[in-house]
Amino acid sequence: MEVNKIKECITQRYPKWNVYIEPSGRSVWVSMNDGGINFFEVEVREEGVGITRRREVEEIDFSGHDEAFKDLEETFIYIDKNLIMK
C-alpha cells in the first residue's frame, strides 16, 4: 500500500490523532497517538500489518525492544559485534 493511501485511511478513521509515517525498506512505519493515553506503532507491508501498543510513561521503559543500551556508542558496538553479517 502506498504511503499516501495509508495516511488517507488513518486520517479518515482517526482524524484528530497525531500520525507520523516513515517508509523504510519494504515497510511503512506509522507512529500514531490520540494525544492522550493511546500510542501505537504500526508496520505496514504487502504481506500484512503488525501493531504494537506502546505505553507512554514518565520513566524509561525499554521493555518493547530486543536489547537496550545506555547510549548510542554501546549500541553501535553491539551492532558491529553481533548483528552485522561479515
N, C-alpha and C. Protein backbone atom coordinates (compact mmCIF):
# COMPACT_ATOMS: atom_id res chain seq x y z
N MET A 1 0.85 -1.18 0.00
CA MET A 1 0.00 0.00 0.00
C MET A 1 0.89 1.24 0.00
N GLU A 2 0.53 2.21 -0.78
CA GLU A 2 1.30 3.43 -0.90
C GLU A 2 1.16 4.29 0.36
N VAL A 3 2.20 5.08 0.63
CA VAL A 3 2.23 5.94 1.82
C VAL A 3 1.01 6.86 1.86
N ASN A 4 0.69 7.48 0.74
CA ASN A 4 -0.45 8.41 0.71
C ASN A 4 -1.77 7.71 1.03
N LYS A 5 -1.93 6.48 0.56
CA LYS A 5 -3.15 5.72 0.82
C LYS A 5 -3.22 5.34 2.30
N ILE A 6 -2.08 4.96 2.89
CA ILE A 6 -2.04 4.63 4.32
C ILE A 6 -2.45 5.84 5.13
N LYS A 7 -1.85 6.99 4.81
CA LYS A 7 -2.17 8.23 5.54
C LYS A 7 -3.64 8.58 5.39
N GLU A 8 -4.17 8.46 4.19
CA GLU A 8 -5.58 8.76 3.95
C GLU A 8 -6.49 7.86 4.78
N CYS A 9 -6.20 6.57 4.80
CA CYS A 9 -7.01 5.62 5.57
C CYS A 9 -7.00 5.95 7.06
N ILE A 10 -5.81 6.25 7.58
CA ILE A 10 -5.68 6.53 9.02
C ILE A 10 -6.37 7.84 9.38
N THR A 11 -6.14 8.88 8.59
CA THR A 11 -6.72 10.18 8.95
C THR A 11 -8.24 10.21 8.77
N GLN A 12 -8.77 9.39 7.88
CA GLN A 12 -10.23 9.29 7.77
C GLN A 12 -10.81 8.60 9.00
N ARG A 13 -10.13 7.57 9.48
CA ARG A 13 -10.62 6.80 10.62
C ARG A 13 -10.39 7.54 11.94
N TYR A 14 -9.22 8.16 12.08
CA TYR A 14 -8.83 8.86 13.31
C TYR A 14 -8.40 10.29 12.97
N PRO A 15 -9.32 11.16 12.61
CA PRO A 15 -8.97 12.48 12.09
C PRO A 15 -8.25 13.40 13.07
N LYS A 16 -8.41 13.19 14.36
CA LYS A 16 -7.80 14.09 15.34
C LYS A 16 -6.51 13.53 15.94
N TRP A 17 -6.10 12.37 15.51
CA TRP A 17 -4.90 11.73 16.06
C TRP A 17 -3.64 12.32 15.44
N ASN A 18 -2.54 12.22 16.17
CA ASN A 18 -1.22 12.56 15.66
C ASN A 18 -0.70 11.34 14.91
N VAL A 19 -0.28 11.52 13.67
CA VAL A 19 0.18 10.41 12.84
C VAL A 19 1.52 10.78 12.21
N TYR A 20 2.50 9.89 12.37
CA TYR A 20 3.84 10.09 11.79
C TYR A 20 4.14 8.86 10.94
N ILE A 21 4.47 9.07 9.67
CA ILE A 21 4.67 7.97 8.74
C ILE A 21 6.11 8.01 8.21
N GLU A 22 6.75 6.84 8.21
CA GLU A 22 8.13 6.73 7.77
C GLU A 22 8.32 5.47 6.92
N PRO A 23 8.49 5.62 5.60
CA PRO A 23 8.81 4.45 4.77
C PRO A 23 10.22 3.96 5.10
N SER A 24 10.39 2.65 5.16
CA SER A 24 11.69 2.06 5.45
C SER A 24 11.77 0.69 4.79
N GLY A 25 12.53 0.60 3.72
CA GLY A 25 12.64 -0.67 3.00
C GLY A 25 11.29 -1.11 2.48
N ARG A 26 10.91 -2.35 2.78
CA ARG A 26 9.63 -2.89 2.32
C ARG A 26 8.48 -2.52 3.24
N SER A 27 8.79 -1.83 4.33
CA SER A 27 7.77 -1.48 5.32
C SER A 27 7.46 0.01 5.31
N VAL A 28 6.29 0.32 5.78
CA VAL A 28 5.94 1.70 6.11
C VAL A 28 5.61 1.67 7.60
N TRP A 29 6.36 2.44 8.38
CA TRP A 29 6.16 2.50 9.83
C TRP A 29 5.28 3.70 10.15
N VAL A 30 4.30 3.46 11.00
CA VAL A 30 3.37 4.51 11.41
C VAL A 30 3.38 4.60 12.92
N SER A 31 3.70 5.77 13.44
CA SER A 31 3.55 6.04 14.87
C SER A 31 2.30 6.89 14.99
N MET A 32 1.40 6.49 15.86
CA MET A 32 0.16 7.25 15.99
C MET A 32 -0.29 7.30 17.43
N ASN A 33 -0.89 8.42 17.81
CA ASN A 33 -1.42 8.57 19.16
C ASN A 33 -2.58 9.54 19.16
N ASP A 34 -3.40 9.38 20.18
CA ASP A 34 -4.61 10.21 20.28
C ASP A 34 -4.38 11.47 21.10
N GLY A 35 -3.13 11.74 21.47
CA GLY A 35 -2.83 12.90 22.29
C GLY A 35 -3.11 12.65 23.76
N GLY A 36 -3.55 11.46 24.08
CA GLY A 36 -3.86 11.07 25.46
C GLY A 36 -3.04 9.86 25.86
N ILE A 37 -3.72 8.74 26.06
CA ILE A 37 -3.03 7.55 26.56
C ILE A 37 -2.82 6.45 25.51
N ASN A 38 -3.31 6.63 24.31
CA ASN A 38 -3.20 5.60 23.29
C ASN A 38 -2.07 5.90 22.31
N PHE A 39 -1.05 5.04 22.32
CA PHE A 39 0.11 5.16 21.45
C PHE A 39 0.32 3.83 20.74
N PHE A 40 0.50 3.87 19.41
CA PHE A 40 0.67 2.65 18.64
C PHE A 40 1.81 2.80 17.64
N GLU A 41 2.51 1.70 17.42
CA GLU A 41 3.48 1.59 16.34
C GLU A 41 2.92 0.55 15.38
N VAL A 42 2.80 0.90 14.12
CA VAL A 42 2.20 0.02 13.13
C VAL A 42 3.19 -0.18 11.99
N GLU A 43 3.41 -1.44 11.62
CA GLU A 43 4.24 -1.76 10.46
C GLU A 43 3.33 -2.27 9.35
N VAL A 44 3.36 -1.60 8.22
CA VAL A 44 2.52 -1.98 7.08
C VAL A 44 3.42 -2.54 5.99
N ARG A 45 3.10 -3.77 5.56
CA ARG A 45 3.82 -4.41 4.45
C ARG A 45 2.81 -5.01 3.50
N GLU A 46 3.24 -5.39 2.33
CA GLU A 46 2.34 -6.05 1.38
C GLU A 46 1.75 -7.32 1.99
N GLU A 47 2.54 -8.02 2.83
CA GLU A 47 2.11 -9.30 3.40
C GLU A 47 1.13 -9.14 4.56
N GLY A 48 1.07 -7.95 5.14
CA GLY A 48 0.16 -7.75 6.26
C GLY A 48 0.57 -6.55 7.10
N VAL A 49 -0.02 -6.47 8.28
CA VAL A 49 0.18 -5.33 9.17
C VAL A 49 0.45 -5.84 10.57
N GLY A 50 1.47 -5.27 11.22
CA GLY A 50 1.75 -5.58 12.62
C GLY A 50 1.52 -4.33 13.46
N ILE A 51 1.07 -4.53 14.69
CA ILE A 51 0.81 -3.38 15.57
C ILE A 51 1.33 -3.67 16.96
N THR A 52 1.90 -2.66 17.57
CA THR A 52 2.36 -2.74 18.95
C THR A 52 1.77 -1.56 19.70
N ARG A 53 1.14 -1.85 20.82
CA ARG A 53 0.66 -0.77 21.67
C ARG A 53 1.80 -0.34 22.57
N ARG A 54 2.06 0.93 22.62
CA ARG A 54 3.16 1.47 23.39
C ARG A 54 2.60 2.24 24.57
N ARG A 55 3.10 1.93 25.75
CA ARG A 55 2.70 2.69 26.93
C ARG A 55 3.52 3.96 26.99
N GLU A 56 2.88 5.04 27.27
CA GLU A 56 3.59 6.31 27.46
C GLU A 56 3.75 6.51 28.95
N VAL A 57 4.98 6.42 29.41
CA VAL A 57 5.26 6.53 30.84
C VAL A 57 6.35 7.58 31.05
N GLU A 58 6.40 8.12 32.23
CA GLU A 58 7.41 9.12 32.55
C GLU A 58 8.80 8.52 32.69
N GLU A 59 8.89 7.34 33.29
CA GLU A 59 10.20 6.71 33.49
C GLU A 59 10.65 6.01 32.21
N ILE A 60 11.92 5.66 32.15
CA ILE A 60 12.46 4.96 30.99
C ILE A 60 11.90 3.56 30.95
N ASP A 61 11.44 3.14 29.77
CA ASP A 61 10.87 1.80 29.60
C ASP A 61 11.34 1.23 28.26
N PHE A 62 12.31 0.32 28.31
CA PHE A 62 12.83 -0.29 27.10
C PHE A 62 12.30 -1.71 26.92
N SER A 63 11.19 -2.05 27.56
CA SER A 63 10.69 -3.42 27.55
C SER A 63 10.23 -3.90 26.18
N GLY A 64 9.92 -3.00 25.28
CA GLY A 64 9.45 -3.41 23.96
C GLY A 64 10.56 -3.71 22.97
N HIS A 65 11.81 -3.56 23.38
CA HIS A 65 12.95 -3.76 22.49
C HIS A 65 13.62 -5.10 22.74
N ASP A 66 14.30 -5.62 21.73
CA ASP A 66 15.07 -6.85 21.89
C ASP A 66 16.26 -6.63 22.81
N GLU A 67 16.88 -5.48 22.71
CA GLU A 67 18.05 -5.12 23.53
C GLU A 67 17.90 -3.67 23.94
N ALA A 68 18.56 -3.29 25.03
CA ALA A 68 18.56 -1.90 25.47
C ALA A 68 19.96 -1.52 25.92
N PHE A 69 20.38 -0.30 25.61
CA PHE A 69 21.73 0.15 25.90
C PHE A 69 21.69 1.54 26.53
N LYS A 70 22.80 1.91 27.17
CA LYS A 70 22.85 3.20 27.86
C LYS A 70 23.08 4.37 26.91
N ASP A 71 23.71 4.11 25.75
CA ASP A 71 23.96 5.20 24.80
C ASP A 71 24.17 4.64 23.40
N LEU A 72 24.30 5.52 22.42
CA LEU A 72 24.46 5.09 21.04
C LEU A 72 25.77 4.35 20.81
N GLU A 73 26.85 4.78 21.44
CA GLU A 73 28.14 4.11 21.25
C GLU A 73 28.05 2.64 21.66
N GLU A 74 27.45 2.38 22.81
CA GLU A 74 27.27 1.00 23.26
C GLU A 74 26.40 0.23 22.26
N THR A 75 25.40 0.89 21.74
CA THR A 75 24.52 0.27 20.74
C THR A 75 25.29 -0.08 19.48
N PHE A 76 26.12 0.85 19.00
CA PHE A 76 26.90 0.61 17.78
C PHE A 76 27.88 -0.55 17.97
N ILE A 77 28.50 -0.64 19.12
CA ILE A 77 29.42 -1.75 19.41
C ILE A 77 28.67 -3.08 19.34
N TYR A 78 27.49 -3.12 19.92
CA TYR A 78 26.68 -4.34 19.87
C TYR A 78 26.32 -4.69 18.42
N ILE A 79 25.90 -3.70 17.65
CA ILE A 79 25.56 -3.94 16.25
C ILE A 79 26.76 -4.49 15.50
N ASP A 80 27.93 -3.85 15.66
CA ASP A 80 29.14 -4.27 14.96
C ASP A 80 29.54 -5.70 15.32
N LYS A 81 29.43 -6.06 16.58
CA LYS A 81 29.87 -7.38 17.04
C LYS A 81 28.85 -8.48 16.79
N ASN A 82 27.57 -8.16 16.86
CA ASN A 82 26.56 -9.21 16.88
C ASN A 82 25.57 -9.23 15.72
N LEU A 83 25.40 -8.14 15.04
CA LEU A 83 24.33 -8.09 14.05
C LEU A 83 24.78 -7.98 12.61
N ILE A 84 25.92 -7.35 12.37
CA ILE A 84 26.37 -7.15 11.00
C ILE A 84 27.00 -8.44 10.48
N MET A 85 26.46 -8.91 9.37
CA MET A 85 26.99 -10.12 8.73
C MET A 85 28.28 -9.76 8.00
N LYS A 86 29.32 -10.53 8.25
CA LYS A 86 30.62 -10.27 7.59
C LYS A 86 31.00 -11.42 6.70
